[in-house]
């Protein structure tokens, strides 16, 4: 019985390997567009970004990584909103969402969302949304989109600070 099970497993492995070898066949290459010589073909692949050279490891590459601390818009936004607790701060997604904030004895709270449309320092590249929440004593709350001067004041403050950070970074270069 064990010998039969081993034979069936071996047979299934062979069938599986033979039927899936189709994907391993090399694709046809047009020699009019690809060099026949291996070294020339390797150079062409490198030029097209399809390979790496061991001699280039550790050297400057074309890719530049911009961390959040080097992005002036991001730094300016975090510095401007540092008085409010944050719930979501996602640099790769380009969004900052604060927690509900209340600085006086009223029942009104605000929540600020900052969206970055680009890393360039420009008023068109930042979108600020402010929500207002009003809760009564029974914790019945209503949330409304607040169109007020807060959005424009925050945006102008962030842009001014970001421009200063950008100017500082440019002078260091």
Foldseek 3Di string as FASTA:
>chain_A
DVVVVVVVVVVVVVVVCVVPCVVVDDDDDDCVVAPPDPVRNVVVCVVVVNDDDPVCPPPDDPDDDDDLVLQLLSVLLCVLPVVFAWDDDDVVQQKTKTDWDDDDDFQKTKIKMKGAQDSDLDLVGIFIWMKIWGADPVRPIDIDTDDDCVRVVSSVSSSVRSVVSVVVVVVVD
